PDB file of all heavy atoms in Angstrom:
ATOM      1  N   PRO A   1    -104.096  65.274-103.917  1.00  0.00           N
ATOM      2  CA  PRO A   1    -103.322  65.532-102.735  1.00  0.00           C
ATOM      3  C   PRO A   1    -103.032  67.061-102.573  1.00  0.00           C
ATOM      4  O   PRO A   1    -102.729  67.773-103.449  1.00  0.00           O
ATOM      5  CB  PRO A   1    -102.028  64.726-102.837  1.00  0.00           C
ATOM      6  CG  PRO A   1    -101.873  64.496-104.278  1.00  0.00           C
ATOM      7  CD  PRO A   1    -103.271  64.478-104.872  1.00  0.00           C
ATOM      8  N   VAL A   2    -103.101  67.457-101.293  1.00  0.00           N
ATOM      9  CA  VAL A   2    -102.978  68.856-100.893  1.00  0.00           C
ATOM     10  C   VAL A   2    -101.900  69.084 -99.790  1.00  0.00           C
ATOM     11  O   VAL A   2    -101.951  68.282 -98.730  1.00  0.00           O
ATOM     12  CB  VAL A   2    -104.296  69.542-100.508  1.00  0.00           C
ATOM     13  CG1 VAL A   2    -104.021  70.943 -99.876  1.00  0.00           C
ATOM     14  CG2 VAL A   2    -105.235  69.514-101.693  1.00  0.00           C
ATOM     15  N   GLY A   3    -101.053  70.033-100.009  1.00  0.00           N
ATOM     16  CA  GLY A   3    -100.101  70.378 -98.955  1.00  0.00           C
ATOM     17  C   GLY A   3    -100.147  71.811 -98.723  1.00  0.00           C
ATOM     18  O   GLY A   3    -100.550  72.684 -99.425  1.00  0.00           O
ATOM     19  N   VAL A   4     -99.744  72.234 -97.478  1.00  0.00           N
ATOM     20  CA  VAL A   4     -99.552  73.678 -97.023  1.00  0.00           C
ATOM     21  C   VAL A   4     -98.098  73.934 -96.960  1.00  0.00           C
ATOM     22  O   VAL A   4     -97.371  73.144 -96.124  1.00  0.00           O
ATOM     23  CB  VAL A   4    -100.371  73.975 -95.808  1.00  0.00           C
ATOM     24  CG1 VAL A   4    -100.057  75.306 -95.254  1.00  0.00           C
ATOM     25  CG2 VAL A   4    -101.876  73.825 -95.992  1.00  0.00           C
ATOM     26  N   VAL A   5     -97.640  74.930 -97.525  1.00  0.00           N
ATOM     27  CA  VAL A   5     -96.193  75.327 -97.415  1.00  0.00           C
ATOM     28  C   VAL A   5     -96.170  76.756 -97.082  1.00  0.00           C
ATOM     29  O   VAL A   5     -96.612  77.672 -97.714  1.00  0.00           O
ATOM     30  CB  VAL A   5     -95.550  75.204 -98.958  1.00  0.00           C
ATOM     31  CG1 VAL A   5     -94.074  75.545 -98.831  1.00  0.00           C
ATOM     32  CG2 VAL A   5     -95.676  73.760 -99.343  1.00  0.00           C
ATOM     33  N   SER A   6     -95.680  76.976 -95.885  1.00  0.00           N
ATOM     34  CA  SER A   6     -95.671  78.306 -95.221  1.00  0.00           C
ATOM     35  C   SER A   6     -94.407  78.809 -94.668  1.00  0.00           C
ATOM     36  O   SER A   6     -93.744  78.035 -94.062  1.00  0.00           O
ATOM     37  CB  SER A   6     -96.812  78.314 -94.137  1.00  0.00           C
ATOM     38  OG  SER A   6     -96.957  79.595 -93.527  1.00  0.00           O
ATOM     39  N   ASN A   7     -94.143  80.095 -94.874  1.00  0.00           N
ATOM     40  CA  ASN A   7     -93.090  80.785 -94.258  1.00  0.00           C
ATOM     41  C   ASN A   7     -93.743  81.174 -92.818  1.00  0.00           C
ATOM     42  O   ASN A   7     -94.575  82.072 -92.892  1.00  0.00           O
ATOM     43  CB  ASN A   7     -92.626  82.070 -94.974  1.00  0.00           C
ATOM     44  CG  ASN A   7     -91.587  81.681 -95.970  1.00  0.00           C
ATOM     45  OD1 ASN A   7     -91.034  80.466 -96.095  1.00  0.00           O
ATOM     46  ND2 ASN A   7     -91.184  82.606 -96.849  1.00  0.00           N
ATOM     47  N   ILE A   8     -93.279  80.605 -91.793  1.00  0.00           N
ATOM     48  CA  ILE A   8     -93.966  80.877 -90.529  1.00  0.00           C
ATOM     49  C   ILE A   8     -92.995  80.446 -89.462  1.00  0.00           C
ATOM     50  O   ILE A   8     -92.085  79.636 -89.562  1.00  0.00           O
ATOM     51  CB  ILE A   8     -95.326  80.043 -90.427  1.00  0.00           C
ATOM     52  CG1 ILE A   8     -96.209  80.555 -89.311  1.00  0.00           C
ATOM     53  CG2 ILE A   8     -94.969  78.547 -90.340  1.00  0.00           C
ATOM     54  CD1 ILE A   8     -97.629  80.143 -89.573  1.00  0.00           C
ATOM     55  N   GLY A   9     -93.245  80.883 -88.121  1.00  0.00           N
ATOM     56  CA  GLY A   9     -92.371  80.629 -87.086  1.00  0.00           C
ATOM     57  C   GLY A   9     -93.171  79.790 -86.039  1.00  0.00           C
ATOM     58  O   GLY A   9     -92.678  79.798 -84.803  1.00  0.00           O
ATOM     59  N   TRP A  10     -94.305  79.295 -86.238  1.00  0.00           N
ATOM     60  CA  TRP A  10     -95.069  78.611 -85.204  1.00  0.00           C
ATOM     61  C   TRP A  10     -95.906  77.670 -85.901  1.00  0.00           C
ATOM     62  O   TRP A  10     -96.144  77.594 -87.128  1.00  0.00           O
ATOM     63  CB  TRP A  10     -95.953  79.604 -84.489  1.00  0.00           C
ATOM     64  CG  TRP A  10     -96.779  80.492 -85.245  1.00  0.00           C
ATOM     65  CD1 TRP A  10     -96.201  81.768 -85.765  1.00  0.00           C
ATOM     66  CD2 TRP A  10     -98.067  80.448 -85.648  1.00  0.00           C
ATOM     67  NE1 TRP A  10     -97.371  82.343 -86.516  1.00  0.00           N
ATOM     68  CE2 TRP A  10     -98.404  81.583 -86.434  1.00  0.00           C
ATOM     69  CE3 TRP A  10     -99.090  79.481 -85.441  1.00  0.00           C
ATOM     70  CZ2 TRP A  10     -99.734  81.659 -86.963  1.00  0.00           C
ATOM     71  CZ3 TRP A  10    -100.368  79.590 -85.953  1.00  0.00           C
ATOM     72  CH2 TRP A  10    -100.653  80.718 -86.779  1.00  0.00           C
ATOM     73  N   ASP A  11     -96.556  76.630 -85.043  1.00  0.00           N
ATOM     74  CA  ASP A  11     -97.333  75.624 -85.647  1.00  0.00           C
ATOM     75  C   ASP A  11     -98.690  75.928 -85.966  1.00  0.00           C
ATOM     76  O   ASP A  11     -99.465  76.308 -85.101  1.00  0.00           O
ATOM     77  CB  ASP A  11     -97.335  74.333 -84.640  1.00  0.00           C
ATOM     78  CG  ASP A  11     -98.144  73.094 -85.220  1.00  0.00           C
ATOM     79  OD1 ASP A  11     -98.399  73.124 -86.346  1.00  0.00           O
ATOM     80  OD2 ASP A  11     -98.190  72.182 -84.366  1.00  0.00           O
ATOM     81  N   LEU A  12     -99.075  76.043 -87.229  1.00  0.00           N
ATOM     82  CA  LEU A  12    -100.446  76.460 -87.605  1.00  0.00           C
ATOM     83  C   LEU A  12    -101.488  75.382 -87.721  1.00  0.00           C
ATOM     84  O   LEU A  12    -102.646  75.583 -87.983  1.00  0.00           O
ATOM     85  CB  LEU A  12    -100.323  77.236 -89.017  1.00  0.00           C
ATOM     86  CG  LEU A  12     -99.646  76.505 -90.206  1.00  0.00           C
ATOM     87  CD1 LEU A  12    -100.433  75.263 -90.592  1.00  0.00           C
ATOM     88  CD2 LEU A  12     -99.315  77.439 -91.286  1.00  0.00           C
ATOM     89  N   ARG A  13    -101.032  74.163 -87.443  1.00  0.00           N
ATOM     90  CA  ARG A  13    -101.955  73.043 -87.571  1.00  0.00           C
ATOM     91  C   ARG A  13    -103.250  73.205 -86.672  1.00  0.00           C
ATOM     92  O   ARG A  13    -104.375  72.986 -87.044  1.00  0.00           O
ATOM     93  CB  ARG A  13    -101.301  71.689 -87.212  1.00  0.00           C
ATOM     94  CG  ARG A  13    -100.183  71.276 -88.221  1.00  0.00           C
ATOM     95  CD  ARG A  13     -99.402  70.198 -87.689  1.00  0.00           C
ATOM     96  NE  ARG A  13     -98.290  69.721 -88.564  1.00  0.00           N
ATOM     97  CZ  ARG A  13     -97.122  70.206 -88.522  1.00  0.00           C
ATOM     98  NH1 ARG A  13     -96.835  71.194 -87.596  1.00  0.00           N
ATOM     99  NH2 ARG A  13     -96.148  69.921 -89.410  1.00  0.00           N
ATOM    100  N   PRO A  14    -103.088  73.786 -85.403  1.00  0.00           N
ATOM    101  CA  PRO A  14    -104.257  74.024 -84.570  1.00  0.00           C
ATOM    102  C   PRO A  14    -105.300  74.912 -85.226  1.00  0.00           C
ATOM    103  O   PRO A  14    -106.411  74.894 -84.940  1.00  0.00           O
ATOM    104  CB  PRO A  14    -103.725  74.585 -83.257  1.00  0.00           C
ATOM    105  CG  PRO A  14    -102.329  74.011 -83.189  1.00  0.00           C
ATOM    106  CD  PRO A  14    -101.804  73.970 -84.601  1.00  0.00           C
ATOM    107  N   VAL A  15    -104.829  75.831 -85.932  1.00  0.00           N
ATOM    108  CA  VAL A  15    -105.657  76.897 -86.752  1.00  0.00           C
ATOM    109  C   VAL A  15    -106.562  76.126 -87.693  1.00  0.00           C
ATOM    110  O   VAL A  15    -107.727  76.278 -87.838  1.00  0.00           O
ATOM    111  CB  VAL A  15    -104.857  78.051 -87.429  1.00  0.00           C
ATOM    112  CG1 VAL A  15    -105.816  78.883 -88.214  1.00  0.00           C
ATOM    113  CG2 VAL A  15    -104.106  78.809 -86.388  1.00  0.00           C
ATOM    114  N   PHE A  16    -105.952  75.198 -88.544  1.00  0.00           N
ATOM    115  CA  PHE A  16    -106.675  74.424 -89.438  1.00  0.00           C
ATOM    116  C   PHE A  16    -107.630  73.495 -88.698  1.00  0.00           C
ATOM    117  O   PHE A  16    -108.750  73.416 -89.218  1.00  0.00           O
ATOM    118  CB  PHE A  16    -105.714  73.595 -90.303  1.00  0.00           C
ATOM    119  CG  PHE A  16    -105.104  74.359 -91.431  1.00  0.00           C
ATOM    120  CD1 PHE A  16    -104.062  75.313 -91.134  1.00  0.00           C
ATOM    121  CD2 PHE A  16    -105.418  74.242 -92.744  1.00  0.00           C
ATOM    122  CE1 PHE A  16    -103.459  76.006 -92.121  1.00  0.00           C
ATOM    123  CE2 PHE A  16    -104.953  74.945 -93.816  1.00  0.00           C
ATOM    124  CZ  PHE A  16    -103.955  75.831 -93.479  1.00  0.00           C
ATOM    125  N   ARG A  17    -107.308  72.916 -87.617  1.00  0.00           N
ATOM    126  CA  ARG A  17    -108.193  72.022 -86.959  1.00  0.00           C
ATOM    127  C   ARG A  17    -109.387  72.758 -86.344  1.00  0.00           C
ATOM    128  O   ARG A  17    -110.530  72.315 -86.512  1.00  0.00           O
ATOM    129  CB  ARG A  17    -107.450  71.296 -85.795  1.00  0.00           C
ATOM    130  CG  ARG A  17    -106.503  70.219 -86.223  1.00  0.00           C
ATOM    131  CD  ARG A  17    -106.049  69.278 -85.100  1.00  0.00           C
ATOM    132  NE  ARG A  17    -105.221  70.005 -84.151  1.00  0.00           N
ATOM    133  CZ  ARG A  17    -103.835  70.000 -84.160  1.00  0.00           C
ATOM    134  NH1 ARG A  17    -103.208  69.393 -85.267  1.00  0.00           N
ATOM    135  NH2 ARG A  17    -103.206  70.624 -83.309  1.00  0.00           N
ATOM    136  N   ALA A  18    -109.117  73.887 -85.741  1.00  0.00           N
ATOM    137  CA  ALA A  18    -110.226  74.744 -85.111  1.00  0.00           C
ATOM    138  C   ALA A  18    -111.201  75.109 -86.259  1.00  0.00           C
ATOM    139  O   ALA A  18    -112.367  75.258 -85.895  1.00  0.00           O
ATOM    140  CB  ALA A  18    -109.636  75.898 -84.440  1.00  0.00           C
ATOM    141  N   HIS A  19    -110.758  75.433 -87.451  1.00  0.00           N
ATOM    142  CA  HIS A  19    -111.706  75.927 -88.458  1.00  0.00           C
ATOM    143  C   HIS A  19    -112.150  74.838 -89.448  1.00  0.00           C
ATOM    144  O   HIS A  19    -112.778  75.169 -90.475  1.00  0.00           O
ATOM    145  CB  HIS A  19    -110.917  76.981 -89.216  1.00  0.00           C
ATOM    146  CG  HIS A  19    -110.838  78.372 -88.424  1.00  0.00           C
ATOM    147  ND1 HIS A  19    -111.764  79.164 -88.242  1.00  0.00           N
ATOM    148  CD2 HIS A  19    -109.687  78.893 -87.801  1.00  0.00           C
ATOM    149  CE1 HIS A  19    -111.365  80.259 -87.512  1.00  0.00           C
ATOM    150  NE2 HIS A  19    -110.049  80.020 -87.191  1.00  0.00           N
ATOM    151  N   GLY A  20    -111.852  73.615 -89.087  1.00  0.00           N
ATOM    152  CA  GLY A  20    -112.360  72.378 -89.887  1.00  0.00           C
ATOM    153  C   GLY A  20    -111.689  72.186 -91.217  1.00  0.00           C
ATOM    154  O   GLY A  20    -112.339  71.380 -92.032  1.00  0.00           O
ATOM    155  N   LEU A  21    -110.585  72.814 -91.433  1.00  0.00           N
ATOM    156  CA  LEU A  21    -109.791  72.485 -92.735  1.00  0.00           C
ATOM    157  C   LEU A  21    -108.842  71.329 -92.550  1.00  0.00           C
ATOM    158  O   LEU A  21    -108.402  70.998 -93.643  1.00  0.00           O
ATOM    159  CB  LEU A  21    -109.198  73.759 -93.129  1.00  0.00           C
ATOM    160  CG  LEU A  21    -110.036  74.743 -93.971  1.00  0.00           C
ATOM    161  CD1 LEU A  21    -111.284  75.300 -93.133  1.00  0.00           C
ATOM    162  CD2 LEU A  21    -109.176  75.871 -94.563  1.00  0.00           C
ATOM    163  N   ASP A  22    -108.353  70.991 -91.468  1.00  0.00           N
ATOM    164  CA  ASP A  22    -107.336  70.007 -91.387  1.00  0.00           C
ATOM    165  C   ASP A  22    -107.653  68.637 -92.124  1.00  0.00           C
ATOM    166  O   ASP A  22    -106.719  68.010 -92.659  1.00  0.00           O
ATOM    167  CB  ASP A  22    -107.074  69.798 -89.808  1.00  0.00           C
ATOM    168  CG  ASP A  22    -105.924  68.763 -89.597  1.00  0.00           C
ATOM    169  OD1 ASP A  22    -104.826  69.042 -89.977  1.00  0.00           O
ATOM    170  OD2 ASP A  22    -106.202  67.654 -89.094  1.00  0.00           O
ATOM    171  N   PRO A  23    -108.886  68.296 -92.055  1.00  0.00           N
ATOM    172  CA  PRO A  23    -109.131  66.885 -92.794  1.00  0.00           C
ATOM    173  C   PRO A  23    -108.767  66.924 -94.350  1.00  0.00           C
ATOM    174  O   PRO A  23    -108.617  65.892 -94.797  1.00  0.00           O
ATOM    175  CB  PRO A  23    -110.636  66.647 -92.572  1.00  0.00           C
ATOM    176  CG  PRO A  23    -110.917  67.487 -91.360  1.00  0.00           C
ATOM    177  CD  PRO A  23    -110.079  68.640 -91.392  1.00  0.00           C
ATOM    178  N   TYR A  24    -108.653  68.136 -94.874  1.00  0.00           N
ATOM    179  CA  TYR A  24    -108.480  68.330 -96.347  1.00  0.00           C
ATOM    180  C   TYR A  24    -106.943  68.425 -96.669  1.00  0.00           C
ATOM    181  O   TYR A  24    -106.644  68.556 -97.752  1.00  0.00           O
ATOM    182  CB  TYR A  24    -109.277  69.425 -96.887  1.00  0.00           C
ATOM    183  CG  TYR A  24    -110.672  69.218 -96.566  1.00  0.00           C
ATOM    184  CD1 TYR A  24    -111.302  70.325 -95.748  1.00  0.00           C
ATOM    185  CD2 TYR A  24    -111.407  68.276 -96.959  1.00  0.00           C
ATOM    186  CE1 TYR A  24    -112.615  70.238 -95.384  1.00  0.00           C
ATOM    187  CE2 TYR A  24    -112.801  68.165 -96.625  1.00  0.00           C
ATOM    188  CZ  TYR A  24    -113.428  69.158 -95.855  1.00  0.00           C
ATOM    189  OH  TYR A  24    -114.649  69.021 -95.557  1.00  0.00           O
ATOM    190  N   ILE A  25    -105.993  68.511 -95.618  1.00  0.00           N
ATOM    191  CA  ILE A  25    -104.606  68.746 -95.810  1.00  0.00           C
ATOM    192  C   ILE A  25    -103.883  67.429 -95.561  1.00  0.00           C
ATOM    193  O   ILE A  25    -103.992  66.840 -94.492  1.00  0.00           O
ATOM    194  CB  ILE A  25    -104.090  70.011 -94.808  1.00  0.00           C
ATOM    195  CG1 ILE A  25    -105.012  71.065 -94.978  1.00  0.00           C
ATOM    196  CG2 ILE A  25    -102.613  70.248 -95.145  1.00  0.00           C
ATOM    197  CD1 ILE A  25    -105.072  71.821 -96.346  1.00  0.00           C
ATOM    198  N   ASP A  26    -103.054  67.070 -96.526  1.00  0.00           N
ATOM    199  CA  ASP A  26    -102.243  65.810 -96.359  1.00  0.00           C
ATOM    200  C   ASP A  26    -100.904  66.042 -95.744  1.00  0.00           C
ATOM    201  O   ASP A  26    -100.339  65.118 -95.078  1.00  0.00           O
ATOM    202  CB  ASP A  26    -102.114  65.237 -97.772  1.00  0.00           C
ATOM    203  CG  ASP A  26    -103.465  64.815 -98.381  1.00  0.00           C
ATOM    204  OD1 ASP A  26    -103.976  63.873 -97.914  1.00  0.00           O
ATOM    205  OD2 ASP A  26    -103.775  65.474 -99.374  1.00  0.00           O
ATOM    206  N   VAL A  27    -100.338  67.188 -95.960  1.00  0.00           N
ATOM    207  CA  VAL A  27     -99.022  67.443 -95.433  1.00  0.00           C
ATOM    208  C   VAL A  27     -98.867  69.017 -95.188  1.00  0.00           C
ATOM    209  O   VAL A  27     -99.320  69.820 -95.893  1.00  0.00           O
ATOM    210  CB  VAL A  27     -97.999  66.878 -96.245  1.00  0.00           C
ATOM    211  CG1 VAL A  27     -97.932  67.663 -97.648  1.00  0.00           C
ATOM    212  CG2 VAL A  27     -96.603  67.010 -95.558  1.00  0.00           C
ATOM    213  N   TYR A  28     -98.118  69.240 -94.000  1.00  0.00           N
ATOM    214  CA  TYR A  28     -97.784  70.625 -93.715  1.00  0.00           C
ATOM    215  C   TYR A  28     -96.329  70.810 -93.860  1.00  0.00           C
ATOM    216  O   TYR A  28     -95.550  69.997 -93.151  1.00  0.00           O
ATOM    217  CB  TYR A  28     -98.242  70.979 -92.355  1.00  0.00           C
ATOM    218  CG  TYR A  28     -99.685  70.964 -92.038  1.00  0.00           C
ATOM    219  CD1 TYR A  28    -100.395  69.902 -91.696  1.00  0.00           C
ATOM    220  CD2 TYR A  28    -100.481  72.163 -92.268  1.00  0.00           C
ATOM    221  CE1 TYR A  28    -101.786  69.858 -91.408  1.00  0.00           C
ATOM    222  CE2 TYR A  28    -101.773  72.196 -92.078  1.00  0.00           C
ATOM    223  CZ  TYR A  28    -102.469  71.028 -91.624  1.00  0.00           C
ATOM    224  OH  TYR A  28    -103.876  71.088 -91.449  1.00  0.00           O
ATOM    225  N   VAL A  29     -95.799  71.649 -94.628  1.00  0.00           N
ATOM    226  CA  VAL A  29     -94.312  71.905 -94.711  1.00  0.00           C
ATOM    227  C   VAL A  29     -94.097  73.416 -94.239  1.00  0.00           C
ATOM    228  O   VAL A  29     -94.409  74.207 -95.070  1.00  0.00           O
ATOM    229  CB  VAL A  29     -93.794  71.723 -96.095  1.00  0.00           C
ATOM    230  CG1 VAL A  29     -92.355  71.967 -96.246  1.00  0.00           C
ATOM    231  CG2 VAL A  29     -94.019  70.245 -96.425  1.00  0.00           C
ATOM    232  N   LEU A  30     -93.624  73.528 -92.990  1.00  0.00           N
ATOM    233  CA  LEU A  30     -93.472  74.940 -92.393  1.00  0.00           C
ATOM    234  C   LEU A  30     -92.121  75.318 -92.270  1.00  0.00           C
ATOM    235  O   LEU A  30     -91.154  74.464 -91.839  1.00  0.00           O
ATOM    236  CB  LEU A  30     -94.102  74.858 -90.975  1.00  0.00           C
ATOM    237  CG  LEU A  30     -95.564  74.241 -90.889  1.00  0.00           C
ATOM    238  CD1 LEU A  30     -96.056  74.318 -89.554  1.00  0.00           C
ATOM    239  CD2 LEU A  30     -96.469  74.852 -91.840  1.00  0.00           C
ATOM    240  N   SER A  31     -91.654  76.557 -92.592  1.00  0.00           N
ATOM    241  CA  SER A  31     -90.282  76.857 -92.883  1.00  0.00           C
ATOM    242  C   SER A  31     -89.480  76.688 -91.460  1.00  0.00           C
ATOM    243  O   SER A  31     -88.367  76.203 -91.530  1.00  0.00           O
ATOM    244  CB  SER A  31     -90.283  78.408 -93.207  1.00  0.00           C
ATOM    245  OG  SER A  31     -90.848  79.266 -92.322  1.00  0.00           O
ATOM    246  N   TYR A  32     -90.056  77.005 -90.347  1.00  0.00           N
ATOM    247  CA  TYR A  32     -89.350  76.994 -89.131  1.00  0.00           C
ATOM    248  C   TYR A  32     -89.130  75.553 -88.723  1.00  0.00           C
ATOM    249  O   TYR A  32     -87.964  75.253 -87.958  1.00  0.00           O
ATOM    250  CB  TYR A  32     -90.188  77.656 -87.920  1.00  0.00           C
ATOM    251  CG  TYR A  32     -91.276  76.792 -87.368  1.00  0.00           C
ATOM    252  CD1 TYR A  32     -90.924  76.367 -86.023  1.00  0.00           C
ATOM    253  CD2 TYR A  32     -92.407  76.593 -87.862  1.00  0.00           C
ATOM    254  CE1 TYR A  32     -91.850  75.506 -85.317  1.00  0.00           C
ATOM    255  CE2 TYR A  32     -93.397  75.863 -87.225  1.00  0.00           C
ATOM    256  CZ  TYR A  32     -93.073  75.320 -85.956  1.00  0.00           C
ATOM    257  OH  TYR A  32     -93.970  74.572 -85.304  1.00  0.00           O
ATOM    258  N   GLU A  33     -89.754  74.630 -89.155  1.00  0.00           N
ATOM    259  CA  GLU A  33     -89.550  73.186 -88.826  1.00  0.00           C
ATOM    260  C   GLU A  33     -88.332  72.569 -89.798  1.00  0.00           C
ATOM    261  O   GLU A  33     -87.817  71.591 -89.451  1.00  0.00           O
ATOM    262  CB  GLU A  33     -90.710  72.328 -89.102  1.00  0.00           C
ATOM    263  CG  GLU A  33     -91.786  72.613 -88.135  1.00  0.00           C
ATOM    264  CD  GLU A  33     -93.187  71.795 -88.212  1.00  0.00           C
ATOM    265  OE1 GLU A  33     -93.404  71.224 -89.342  1.00  0.00           O
ATOM    266  OE2 GLU A  33     -93.814  71.752 -87.225  1.00  0.00           O
ATOM    267  N   HIS A  34     -88.081  73.332 -90.867  1.00  0.00           N
ATOM    268  CA  HIS A  34     -86.959  72.804 -91.708  1.00  0.00           C
ATOM    269  C   HIS A  34     -85.759  73.759 -91.818  1.00  0.00           C
ATOM    270  O   HIS A  34     -84.763  73.366 -92.461  1.00  0.00           O
ATOM    271  CB  HIS A  34     -87.524  72.709 -93.239  1.00  0.00           C
ATOM    272  CG  HIS A  34     -88.693  71.670 -93.233  1.00  0.00           C
ATOM    273  ND1 HIS A  34     -88.440  70.255 -93.354  1.00  0.00           N
ATOM    274  CD2 HIS A  34     -90.096  71.797 -93.009  1.00  0.00           C
ATOM    275  CE1 HIS A  34     -89.540  69.515 -93.348  1.00  0.00           C
ATOM    276  NE2 HIS A  34     -90.575  70.425 -93.134  1.00  0.00           N
TER     277      HIS A  34
END
């Protein structure tokens, strides 16, 4: 299982989808959402 943990102020999920990496990520934990 793979997660992305980022200090960030915006939703990076569209970047992963556009570049074809989203299918390999199980969870995104973004600082601004928490």
